[in-house]
Amino acid sequence: MDKEKMKEEVMEALETVEDPELHIDIVNLGLVYGVDIDDEGNSTITMTLTSMGCPLAGMINEMVTSAVKSVEGIKEVEVNIVWNPPWGKERMSRYAKMALGIH
C-alpha cells in the first residue's frame, strides 16, 4: 500500500466535496488540515468548517466520508472536526478567492 499515493487520491476525492453555501470545494477553501492513513487503510481527515455553528456540519461530514471511501484501499473514515487553528480566508486557494471575489 502506497500511503502517499492514497493521500493524493483522498485529496483529489475531497476536491469533489463542495461547501453547500459557498459552492467551492473544501480543499480550495482550505478546510482540510490533514489526511492520515494507517496500515489497515483506515483514514482520519482533520478539517474545520467555515463557522462553528455551521448548520450543514452533518451533511458535510457525510459527503467527506463518502468521497474518501470512494478511494481504493480505504476501509474506514473518521472525520475529525477541529477549531484550532481557526479557519480564515487566508487559508483559501487563489482559485477560491477569485471565485468568491476576495482579493
PDB file of N, CA and C in Angstrom:
ATOM      1  N   MET A   1       0.848  -1.183   0.000  1.00  0.00           N
ATOM      2  CA  MET A   1       0.000   0.000   0.000  1.00  0.00           C
ATOM      3  C   MET A   1       0.893   1.245   0.000  1.00  0.00           C
ATOM      4  N   ASP A   2       0.738   2.079  -1.016  1.00  0.00           N
ATOM      5  CA  ASP A   2       1.485   3.325  -1.133  1.00  0.00           C
ATOM      6  C   ASP A   2       0.662   4.435  -0.485  1.00  0.00           C
ATOM      7  N   LYS A   3       1.007   4.757   0.773  1.00  0.00           N
ATOM      8  CA  LYS A   3       0.199   5.720   1.530  1.00  0.00           C
ATOM      9  C   LYS A   3       0.222   7.118   0.906  1.00  0.00           C
ATOM     10  N   GLU A   4       1.368   7.528   0.371  1.00  0.00           N
ATOM     11  CA  GLU A   4       1.444   8.868  -0.230  1.00  0.00           C
ATOM     12  C   GLU A   4       0.518   8.974  -1.439  1.00  0.00           C
ATOM     13  N   LYS A   5       0.505   7.913  -2.249  1.00  0.00           N
ATOM     14  CA  LYS A   5      -0.388   7.911  -3.419  1.00  0.00           C
ATOM     15  C   LYS A   5      -1.846   7.924  -2.960  1.00  0.00           C
ATOM     16  N   MET A   6      -2.137   7.156  -1.923  1.00  0.00           N
ATOM     17  CA  MET A   6      -3.507   7.130  -1.396  1.00  0.00           C
ATOM     18  C   MET A   6      -3.906   8.499  -0.852  1.00  0.00           C
ATOM     19  N   LYS A   7      -2.975   9.181  -0.173  1.00  0.00           N
ATOM     20  CA  LYS A   7      -3.274  10.517   0.359  1.00  0.00           C
ATOM     21  C   LYS A   7      -3.601  11.476  -0.786  1.00  0.00           C
ATOM     22  N   GLU A   8      -2.838  11.379  -1.874  1.00  0.00           N
ATOM     23  CA  GLU A   8      -3.107  12.222  -3.041  1.00  0.00           C
ATOM     24  C   GLU A   8      -4.501  11.930  -3.589  1.00  0.00           C
ATOM     25  N   GLU A   9      -4.846  10.645  -3.677  1.00  0.00           N
ATOM     26  CA  GLU A   9      -6.159  10.260  -4.186  1.00  0.00           C
ATOM     27  C   GLU A   9      -7.273  10.724  -3.248  1.00  0.00           C
ATOM     28  N   VAL A  10      -7.027  10.682  -1.940  1.00  0.00           N
ATOM     29  CA  VAL A  10      -8.011  11.162  -0.969  1.00  0.00           C
ATOM     30  C   VAL A  10      -8.210  12.669  -1.155  1.00  0.00           C
ATOM     31  N   MET A  11      -7.107  13.416  -1.320  1.00  0.00           N
ATOM     32  CA  MET A  11      -7.231  14.871  -1.523  1.00  0.00           C
ATOM     33  C   MET A  11      -8.002  15.167  -2.811  1.00  0.00           C
ATOM     34  N   GLU A  12      -7.744  14.389  -3.851  1.00  0.00           N
ATOM     35  CA  GLU A  12      -8.496  14.565  -5.106  1.00  0.00           C
ATOM     36  C   GLU A  12      -9.976  14.291  -4.878  1.00  0.00           C
ATOM     37  N   ALA A  13     -10.282  13.245  -4.123  1.00  0.00           N
ATOM     38  CA  ALA A  13     -11.680  12.914  -3.827  1.00  0.00           C
ATOM     39  C   ALA A  13     -12.326  14.034  -3.014  1.00  0.00           C
ATOM     40  N   LEU A  14     -11.570  14.624  -2.095  1.00  0.00           N
ATOM     41  CA  LEU A  14     -12.111  15.696  -1.267  1.00  0.00           C
ATOM     42  C   LEU A  14     -12.394  16.960  -2.086  1.00  0.00           C
ATOM     43  N   GLU A  15     -11.720  17.100  -3.211  1.00  0.00           N
ATOM     44  CA  GLU A  15     -11.983  18.242  -4.086  1.00  0.00           C
ATOM     45  C   GLU A  15     -13.373  18.152  -4.732  1.00  0.00           C
ATOM     46  N   THR A  16     -14.019  16.993  -4.613  1.00  0.00           N
ATOM     47  CA  THR A  16     -15.379  16.848  -5.148  1.00  0.00           C
ATOM     48  C   THR A  16     -16.427  17.252  -4.116  1.00  0.00           C
ATOM     49  N   VAL A  17     -15.995  17.500  -2.875  1.00  0.00           N
ATOM     50  CA  VAL A  17     -16.917  17.871  -1.805  1.00  0.00           C
ATOM     51  C   VAL A  17     -17.017  19.394  -1.751  1.00  0.00           C
ATOM     52  N   GLU A  18     -18.182  19.916  -2.112  1.00  0.00           N
ATOM     53  CA  GLU A  18     -18.392  21.364  -2.114  1.00  0.00           C
ATOM     54  C   GLU A  18     -19.052  21.825  -0.833  1.00  0.00           C
ATOM     55  N   ASP A  19     -18.617  22.984  -0.371  1.00  0.00           N
ATOM     56  CA  ASP A  19     -19.318  23.635   0.730  1.00  0.00           C
ATOM     57  C   ASP A  19     -20.697  24.013   0.183  1.00  0.00           C
ATOM     58  N   PRO A  20     -21.781  23.538   0.808  1.00  0.00           N
ATOM     59  CA  PRO A  20     -23.126  23.764   0.260  1.00  0.00           C
ATOM     60  C   PRO A  20     -23.529  25.238   0.157  1.00  0.00           C
ATOM     61  N   GLU A  21     -22.916  26.087   0.960  1.00  0.00           N
ATOM     62  CA  GLU A  21     -23.270  27.506   0.927  1.00  0.00           C
ATOM     63  C   GLU A  21     -22.386  28.300  -0.042  1.00  0.00           C
ATOM     64  N   LEU A  22     -21.101  27.965  -0.080  1.00  0.00           N
ATOM     65  CA  LEU A  22     -20.160  28.737  -0.905  1.00  0.00           C
ATOM     66  C   LEU A  22     -19.953  28.148  -2.295  1.00  0.00           C
ATOM     67  N   HIS A  23     -20.334  26.888  -2.483  1.00  0.00           N
ATOM     68  CA  HIS A  23     -20.215  26.194  -3.776  1.00  0.00           C
ATOM     69  C   HIS A  23     -18.778  26.140  -4.291  1.00  0.00           C
ATOM     70  N   ILE A  24     -17.852  25.987  -3.365  1.00  0.00           N
ATOM     71  CA  ILE A  24     -16.440  25.787  -3.686  1.00  0.00           C
ATOM     72  C   ILE A  24     -16.000  24.589  -2.856  1.00  0.00           C
ATOM     73  N   ASP A  25     -15.103  23.777  -3.421  1.00  0.00           N
ATOM     74  CA  ASP A  25     -14.723  22.554  -2.713  1.00  0.00           C
ATOM     75  C   ASP A  25     -13.928  22.857  -1.438  1.00  0.00           C
ATOM     76  N   ILE A  26     -14.004  21.921  -0.505  1.00  0.00           N
ATOM     77  CA  ILE A  26     -13.419  22.119   0.815  1.00  0.00           C
ATOM     78  C   ILE A  26     -11.896  22.181   0.789  1.00  0.00           C
ATOM     79  N   VAL A  27     -11.256  21.605  -0.241  1.00  0.00           N
ATOM     80  CA  VAL A  27      -9.799  21.667  -0.345  1.00  0.00           C
ATOM     81  C   VAL A  27      -9.380  23.091  -0.713  1.00  0.00           C
ATOM     82  N   ASN A  28      -9.993  23.654  -1.751  1.00  0.00           N
ATOM     83  CA  ASN A  28      -9.650  25.013  -2.164  1.00  0.00           C
ATOM     84  C   ASN A  28     -10.058  26.057  -1.126  1.00  0.00           C
ATOM     85  N   LEU A  29     -11.072  25.742  -0.311  1.00  0.00           N
ATOM     86  CA  LEU A  29     -11.445  26.651   0.766  1.00  0.00           C
ATOM     87  C   LEU A  29     -10.442  26.602   1.919  1.00  0.00           C
ATOM     88  N   GLY A  30      -9.576  25.591   1.913  1.00  0.00           N
ATOM     89  CA  GLY A  30      -8.581  25.473   2.978  1.00  0.00           C
ATOM     90  C   GLY A  30      -9.138  24.864   4.250  1.00  0.00           C
ATOM     91  N   LEU A  31     -10.219  24.100   4.115  1.00  0.00           N
ATOM     92  CA  LEU A  31     -10.850  23.493   5.293  1.00  0.00           C
ATOM     93  C   LEU A  31     -10.195  22.180   5.712  1.00  0.00           C
ATOM     94  N   VAL A  32      -9.451  21.544   4.799  1.00  0.00           N
ATOM     95  CA  VAL A  32      -8.812  20.267   5.106  1.00  0.00           C
ATOM     96  C   VAL A  32      -7.416  20.537   5.658  1.00  0.00           C
ATOM     97  N   TYR A  33      -7.198  20.141   6.910  1.00  0.00           N
ATOM     98  CA  TYR A  33      -5.917  20.375   7.564  1.00  0.00           C
ATOM     99  C   TYR A  33      -4.980  19.181   7.458  1.00  0.00           C
ATOM    100  N   GLY A  34      -5.541  17.979   7.322  1.00  0.00           N
ATOM    101  CA  GLY A  34      -4.663  16.819   7.253  1.00  0.00           C
ATOM    102  C   GLY A  34      -5.396  15.549   6.875  1.00  0.00           C
ATOM    103  N   VAL A  35      -4.632  14.625   6.268  1.00  0.00           N
ATOM    104  CA  VAL A  35      -5.135  13.305   5.895  1.00  0.00           C
ATOM    105  C   VAL A  35      -4.156  12.283   6.445  1.00  0.00           C
ATOM    106  N   ASP A  36      -4.642  11.384   7.281  1.00  0.00           N
ATOM    107  CA  ASP A  36      -3.805  10.307   7.812  1.00  0.00           C
ATOM    108  C   ASP A  36      -4.420   8.979   7.408  1.00  0.00           C
ATOM    109  N   ILE A  37      -3.543   8.048   7.013  1.00  0.00           N
ATOM    110  CA  ILE A  37      -3.992   6.702   6.632  1.00  0.00           C
ATOM    111  C   ILE A  37      -3.111   5.710   7.372  1.00  0.00           C
ATOM    112  N   ASP A  38      -3.742   4.770   8.090  1.00  0.00           N
ATOM    113  CA  ASP A  38      -2.942   3.763   8.796  1.00  0.00           C
ATOM    114  C   ASP A  38      -2.686   2.552   7.896  1.00  0.00           C
ATOM    115  N   ASP A  39      -1.958   1.585   8.418  1.00  0.00           N
ATOM    116  CA  ASP A  39      -1.559   0.410   7.621  1.00  0.00           C
ATOM    117  C   ASP A  39      -2.725  -0.468   7.207  1.00  0.00           C
ATOM    118  N   GLU A  40      -3.873  -0.335   7.876  1.00  0.00           N
ATOM    119  CA  GLU A  40      -5.047  -1.134   7.522  1.00  0.00           C
ATOM    120  C   GLU A  40      -5.942  -0.443   6.495  1.00  0.00           C
ATOM    121  N   GLY A  41      -5.609   0.798   6.143  1.00  0.00           N
ATOM    122  CA  GLY A  41      -6.440   1.527   5.187  1.00  0.00           C
ATOM    123  C   GLY A  41      -7.526   2.361   5.836  1.00  0.00           C
ATOM    124  N   ASN A  42      -7.385   2.601   7.131  1.00  0.00           N
ATOM    125  CA  ASN A  42      -8.319   3.475   7.835  1.00  0.00           C
ATOM    126  C   ASN A  42      -7.811   4.907   7.727  1.00  0.00           C
ATOM    127  N   SER A  43      -8.707   5.828   7.424  1.00  0.00           N
ATOM    128  CA  SER A  43      -8.307   7.211   7.193  1.00  0.00           C
ATOM    129  C   SER A  43      -8.941   8.150   8.206  1.00  0.00           C
ATOM    130  N   THR A  44      -8.143   9.122   8.650  1.00  0.00           N
ATOM    131  CA  THR A  44      -8.639  10.188   9.504  1.00  0.00           C
ATOM    132  C   THR A  44      -8.447  11.501   8.754  1.00  0.00           C
ATOM    133  N   ILE A  45      -9.533  12.219   8.566  1.00  0.00           N
ATOM    134  CA  ILE A  45      -9.498  13.518   7.906  1.00  0.00           C
ATOM    135  C   ILE A  45      -9.645  14.571   8.992  1.00  0.00           C
ATOM    136  N   THR A  46      -8.621  15.402   9.149  1.00  0.00           N
ATOM    137  CA  THR A  46      -8.683  16.500  10.104  1.00  0.00           C
ATOM    138  C   THR A  46      -9.045  17.749   9.322  1.00  0.00           C
ATOM    139  N   MET A  47     -10.148  18.368   9.721  1.00  0.00           N
ATOM    140  CA  MET A  47     -10.634  19.524   8.980  1.00  0.00           C
ATOM    141  C   MET A  47     -11.394  20.457   9.905  1.00  0.00           C
ATOM    142  N   THR A  48     -11.765  21.594   9.354  1.00  0.00           N
ATOM    143  CA  THR A  48     -12.583  22.543  10.087  1.00  0.00           C
ATOM    144  C   THR A  48     -13.753  22.944   9.210  1.00  0.00           C
ATOM    145  N   LEU A  49     -14.576  23.809   9.719  1.00  0.00           N
ATOM    146  CA  LEU A  49     -15.705  24.347   8.963  1.00  0.00           C
ATOM    147  C   LEU A  49     -15.561  25.871   8.948  1.00  0.00           C
ATOM    148  N   THR A  50     -16.271  26.522   8.045  1.00  0.00           N
ATOM    149  CA  THR A  50     -16.137  27.974   7.948  1.00  0.00           C
ATOM    150  C   THR A  50     -16.684  28.695   9.173  1.00  0.00           C
ATOM    151  N   SER A  51     -17.633  28.071   9.879  1.00  0.00           N
ATOM    152  CA  SER A  51     -18.138  28.675  11.116  1.00  0.00           C
ATOM    153  C   SER A  51     -18.492  27.587  12.118  1.00  0.00           C
ATOM    154  N   MET A  52     -18.327  27.924  13.392  1.00  0.00           N
ATOM    155  CA  MET A  52     -18.537  26.951  14.458  1.00  0.00           C
ATOM    156  C   MET A  52     -19.974  26.446  14.507  1.00  0.00           C
ATOM    157  N   GLY A  53     -20.934  27.286  14.208  1.00  0.00           N
ATOM    158  CA  GLY A  53     -22.330  26.878  14.277  1.00  0.00           C
ATOM    159  C   GLY A  53     -22.879  26.422  12.940  1.00  0.00           C
ATOM    160  N   CYS A  54     -22.010  25.925  12.072  1.00  0.00           N
ATOM    161  CA  CYS A  54     -22.421  25.545  10.723  1.00  0.00           C
ATOM    162  C   CYS A  54     -23.581  24.538  10.777  1.00  0.00           C
ATOM    163  N   PRO A  55     -24.736  24.913  10.244  1.00  0.00           N
ATOM    164  CA  PRO A  55     -25.892  24.020  10.299  1.00  0.00           C
ATOM    165  C   PRO A  55     -25.762  22.813   9.366  1.00  0.00           C
ATOM    166  N   LEU A  56     -24.791  22.871   8.458  1.00  0.00           N
ATOM    167  CA  LEU A  56     -24.626  21.792   7.485  1.00  0.00           C
ATOM    168  C   LEU A  56     -23.473  20.856   7.837  1.00  0.00           C
ATOM    169  N   ALA A  57     -22.991  20.933   9.071  1.00  0.00           N
ATOM    170  CA  ALA A  57     -21.847  20.116   9.501  1.00  0.00           C
ATOM    171  C   ALA A  57     -22.080  18.630   9.265  1.00  0.00           C
ATOM    172  N   GLY A  58     -23.255  18.129   9.617  1.00  0.00           N
ATOM    173  CA  GLY A  58     -23.560  16.705   9.433  1.00  0.00           C
ATOM    174  C   GLY A  58     -23.535  16.308   7.978  1.00  0.00           C
ATOM    175  N   MET A  59     -24.096  17.159   7.127  1.00  0.00           N
ATOM    176  CA  MET A  59     -24.127  16.890   5.687  1.00  0.00           C
ATOM    177  C   MET A  59     -22.705  16.879   5.111  1.00  0.00           C
ATOM    178  N   ILE A  60     -21.885  17.833   5.512  1.00  0.00           N
ATOM    179  CA  ILE A  60     -20.505  17.901   5.032  1.00  0.00           C
ATOM    180  C   ILE A  60     -19.742  16.665   5.499  1.00  0.00           C
ATOM    181  N   ASN A  61     -19.948  16.269   6.749  1.00  0.00           N
ATOM    182  CA  ASN A  61     -19.303  15.072   7.294  1.00  0.00           C
ATOM    183  C   ASN A  61     -19.650  13.849   6.437  1.00  0.00           C
ATOM    184  N   GLU A  62     -20.921  13.694   6.083  1.00  0.00           N
ATOM    185  CA  GLU A  62     -21.353  12.564   5.251  1.00  0.00           C
ATOM    186  C   GLU A  62     -20.722  12.623   3.857  1.00  0.00           C
ATOM    187  N   MET A  63     -20.643  13.819   3.275  1.00  0.00           N
ATOM    188  CA  MET A  63     -20.054  13.960   1.935  1.00  0.00           C
ATOM    189  C   MET A  63     -18.565  13.641   1.964  1.00  0.00           C
ATOM    190  N   VAL A  64     -17.866  14.075   3.025  1.00  0.00           N
ATOM    191  CA  VAL A  64     -16.432  13.782   3.173  1.00  0.00           C
ATOM    192  C   VAL A  64     -16.233  12.283   3.308  1.00  0.00           C
ATOM    193  N   THR A  65     -17.012  11.649   4.182  1.00  0.00           N
ATOM    194  CA  THR A  65     -16.889  10.201   4.393  1.00  0.00           C
ATOM    195  C   THR A  65     -17.110   9.441   3.089  1.00  0.00           C
ATOM    196  N   SER A  66     -18.148   9.800   2.366  1.00  0.00           N
ATOM    197  CA  SER A  66     -18.462   9.142   1.101  1.00  0.00           C
ATOM    198  C   SER A  66     -17.348   9.326   0.072  1.00  0.00           C
ATOM    199  N   ALA A  67     -16.823  10.545  -0.040  1.00  0.00           N
ATOM    200  CA  ALA A  67     -15.759  10.821  -1.016  1.00  0.00           C
ATOM    201  C   ALA A  67     -14.504  10.024  -0.689  1.00  0.00           C
ATOM    202  N   VAL A  68     -14.131   9.997   0.578  1.00  0.00           N
ATOM    203  CA  VAL A  68     -12.900   9.289   0.977  1.00  0.00           C
ATOM    204  C   VAL A  68     -13.058   7.786   0.786  1.00  0.00           C
ATOM    205  N   LYS A  69     -14.235   7.249   1.097  1.00  0.00           N
ATOM    206  CA  LYS A  69     -14.467   5.808   0.918  1.00  0.00           C
ATOM    207  C   LYS A  69     -14.433   5.389  -0.545  1.00  0.00           C
ATOM    208  N   SER A  70     -14.563   6.355  -1.465  1.00  0.00           N
ATOM    209  CA  SER A  70     -14.516   6.033  -2.896  1.00  0.00           C
ATOM    210  C   SER A  70     -13.088   5.723  -3.357  1.00  0.00           C
ATOM    211  N   VAL A  71     -12.105   6.036  -2.530  1.00  0.00           N
ATOM    212  CA  VAL A  71     -10.707   5.783  -2.879  1.00  0.00           C
ATOM    213  C   VAL A  71     -10.389   4.316  -2.609  1.00  0.00           C
ATOM    214  N   GLU A  72      -9.815   3.666  -3.616  1.00  0.00           N
ATOM    215  CA  GLU A  72      -9.484   2.253  -3.495  1.00  0.00           C
ATOM    216  C   GLU A  72      -8.501   2.023  -2.352  1.00  0.00           C
ATOM    217  N   GLY A  73      -8.829   1.060  -1.499  1.00  0.00           N
ATOM    218  CA  GLY A  73      -7.951   0.714  -0.382  1.00  0.00           C
ATOM    219  C   GLY A  73      -8.365   1.341   0.941  1.00  0.00           C
ATOM    220  N   ILE A  74      -9.254   2.330   0.901  1.00  0.00           N
ATOM    221  CA  ILE A  74      -9.724   2.959   2.141  1.00  0.00           C
ATOM    222  C   ILE A  74     -10.862   2.116   2.713  1.00  0.00           C
ATOM    223  N   LYS A  75     -10.727   1.757   3.990  1.00  0.00           N
ATOM    224  CA  LYS A  75     -11.748   0.933   4.630  1.00  0.00           C
ATOM    225  C   LYS A  75     -12.673   1.789   5.484  1.00  0.00           C
ATOM    226  N   GLU A  76     -12.136   2.435   6.495  1.00  0.00           N
ATOM    227  CA  GLU A  76     -12.940   3.245   7.411  1.00  0.00           C
ATOM    228  C   GLU A  76     -12.495   4.703   7.318  1.00  0.00           C
ATOM    229  N   VAL A  77     -13.427   5.595   7.617  1.00  0.00           N
ATOM    230  CA  VAL A  77     -13.139   7.029   7.570  1.00  0.00           C
ATOM    231  C   VAL A  77     -13.618   7.670   8.862  1.00  0.00           C
ATOM    232  N   GLU A  78     -12.748   8.431   9.475  1.00  0.00           N
ATOM    233  CA  GLU A  78     -13.116   9.235  10.640  1.00  0.00           C
ATOM    234  C   GLU A  78     -12.892  10.694  10.257  1.00  0.00           C
ATOM    235  N   VAL A  79     -13.909  11.511  10.450  1.00  0.00           N
ATOM    236  CA  VAL A  79     -13.794  12.943  10.178  1.00  0.00           C
ATOM    237  C   VAL A  79     -13.630  13.636  11.521  1.00  0.00           C
ATOM    238  N   ASN A  80     -12.481  14.266  11.698  1.00  0.00           N
ATOM    239  CA  ASN A  80     -12.142  14.941  12.941  1.00  0.00           C
ATOM    240  C   ASN A  80     -12.271  16.452  12.720  1.00  0.00           C
ATOM    241  N   ILE A  81     -13.361  17.044  13.229  1.00  0.00           N
ATOM    242  CA  ILE A  81     -13.586  18.480  13.079  1.00  0.00           C
ATOM    243  C   ILE A  81     -12.852  19.194  14.220  1.00  0.00           C
ATOM    244  N   VAL A  82     -11.976  20.130  13.851  1.00  0.00           N
ATOM    245  CA  VAL A  82     -11.218  20.892  14.844  1.00  0.00           C
ATOM    246  C   VAL A  82     -11.494  22.388  14.650  1.00  0.00           C
ATOM    247  N   TRP A  83     -11.269  23.147  15.699  1.00  0.00           N
ATOM    248  CA  TRP A  83     -11.487  24.606  15.626  1.00  0.00           C
ATOM    249  C   TRP A  83     -10.190  25.368  15.808  1.00  0.00           C
ATOM    250  N   ASN A  84      -9.099  24.630  15.967  1.00  0.00           N
ATOM    251  CA  ASN A  84      -7.812  25.276  16.135  1.00  0.00           C
ATOM    252  C   ASN A  84      -6.810  24.602  15.224  1.00  0.00           C
ATOM    253  N   PRO A  85      -6.118  25.265  14.324  1.00  0.00           N
ATOM    254  CA  PRO A  85      -6.193  26.719  14.157  1.00  0.00           C
ATOM    255  C   PRO A  85      -7.516  27.119  13.502  1.00  0.00           C
ATOM    256  N   PRO A  86      -8.011  28.304  13.853  1.00  0.00           N
ATOM    257  CA  PRO A  86      -9.268  28.759  13.265  1.00  0.00           C
ATOM    258  C   PRO A  86      -9.129  28.997  11.765  1.00  0.00           C
ATOM    259  N   TRP A  87     -10.215  28.739  11.049  1.00  0.00           N
ATOM    260  CA  TRP A  87     -10.214  28.964   9.601  1.00  0.00           C
ATOM    261  C   TRP A  87     -10.338  30.453   9.323  1.00  0.00           C
ATOM    262  N   GLY A  88      -9.648  30.890   8.283  1.00  0.00           N
ATOM    263  CA  GLY A  88      -9.758  32.272   7.828  1.00  0.00           C
ATOM    264  C   GLY A  88      -9.537  32.300   6.337  1.00  0.00           C
ATOM    265  N   LYS A  89      -9.914  33.391   5.708  1.00  0.00           N
ATOM    266  CA  LYS A  89      -9.831  33.453   4.245  1.00  0.00           C
ATOM    267  C   LYS A  89      -8.403  33.335   3.718  1.00  0.00           C
ATOM    268  N   GLU A  90      -7.404  33.573   4.571  1.00  0.00           N
ATOM    269  CA  GLU A  90      -6.015  33.411   4.129  1.00  0.00           C
ATOM    270  C   GLU A  90      -5.672  31.953   3.835  1.00  0.00           C
ATOM    271  N   ARG A  91      -6.476  31.014   4.298  1.00  0.00           N
ATOM    272  CA  ARG A  91      -6.250  29.584   4.034  1.00  0.00           C
ATOM    273  C   ARG A  91      -6.777  29.166   2.656  1.00  0.00           C
ATOM    274  N   MET A  92      -7.578  30.033   2.039  1.00  0.00           N
ATOM    275  CA  MET A  92      -8.189  29.708   0.750  1.00  0.00           C
ATOM    276  C   MET A  92      -7.166  29.769  -0.378  1.00  0.00           C
ATOM    277  N   SER A  93      -7.383  28.929  -1.386  1.00  0.00           N
ATOM    278  CA  SER A  93      -6.527  28.962  -2.576  1.00  0.00           C
ATOM    279  C   SER A  93      -6.840  30.212  -3.395  1.00  0.00           C
ATOM    280  N   ARG A  94      -5.946  30.534  -4.302  1.00  0.00           N
ATOM    281  CA  ARG A  94      -6.161  31.676  -5.196  1.00  0.00           C
ATOM    282  C   ARG A  94      -7.468  31.484  -5.981  1.00  0.00           C
ATOM    283  N   TYR A  95      -7.704  30.246  -6.418  1.00  0.00           N
ATOM    284  CA  TYR A  95      -8.930  29.918  -7.161  1.00  0.00           C
ATOM    285  C   TYR A  95     -10.174  30.273  -6.345  1.00  0.00           C
ATOM    286  N   ALA A  96     -10.199  29.842  -5.077  1.00  0.00           N
ATOM    287  CA  ALA A  96     -11.363  30.078  -4.224  1.00  0.00           C
ATOM    288  C   ALA A  96     -11.569  31.575  -4.001  1.00  0.00           C
ATOM    289  N   LYS A  97     -10.474  32.299  -3.770  1.00  0.00           N
ATOM    290  CA  LYS A  97     -10.584  33.743  -3.555  1.00  0.00           C
ATOM    291  C   LYS A  97     -11.144  34.431  -4.792  1.00  0.00           C
ATOM    292  N   MET A  98     -10.673  34.014  -5.960  1.00  0.00           N
ATOM    293  CA  MET A  98     -11.162  34.621  -7.206  1.00  0.00           C
ATOM    294  C   MET A  98     -12.642  34.300  -7.398  1.00  0.00           C
ATOM    295  N   ALA A  99     -13.026  33.036  -7.138  1.00  0.00           N
ATOM    296  CA  ALA A  99     -14.417  32.611  -7.341  1.00  0.00           C
ATOM    297  C   ALA A  99     -15.372  33.380  -6.422  1.00  0.00           C
ATOM    298  N   LEU A 100     -14.884  33.746  -5.241  1.00  0.00           N
ATOM    299  CA  LEU A 100     -15.723  34.458  -4.273  1.00  0.00           C
ATOM    300  C   LEU A 100     -15.522  35.965  -4.328  1.00  0.00           C
ATOM    301  N   GLY A 101     -14.627  36.419  -5.221  1.00  0.00           N
ATOM    302  CA  GLY A 101     -14.398  37.864  -5.359  1.00  0.00           C
ATOM    303  C   GLY A 101     -13.643  38.464  -4.193  1.00  0.00           C
ATOM    304  N   ILE A 102     -12.794  37.654  -3.545  1.00  0.00           N
ATOM    305  CA  ILE A 102     -11.974  38.147  -2.427  1.00  0.00           C
ATOM    306  C   ILE A 102     -10.574  38.414  -2.952  1.00  0.00           C
ATOM    307  N   HIS A 103     -10.076  39.606  -2.666  1.00  0.00           N
ATOM    308  CA  HIS A 103      -8.726  39.950  -3.172  1.00  0.00           C
ATOM    309  C   HIS A 103      -7.775  40.233  -2.057  1.00  0.00           C
TER     310      HIS A 103
END
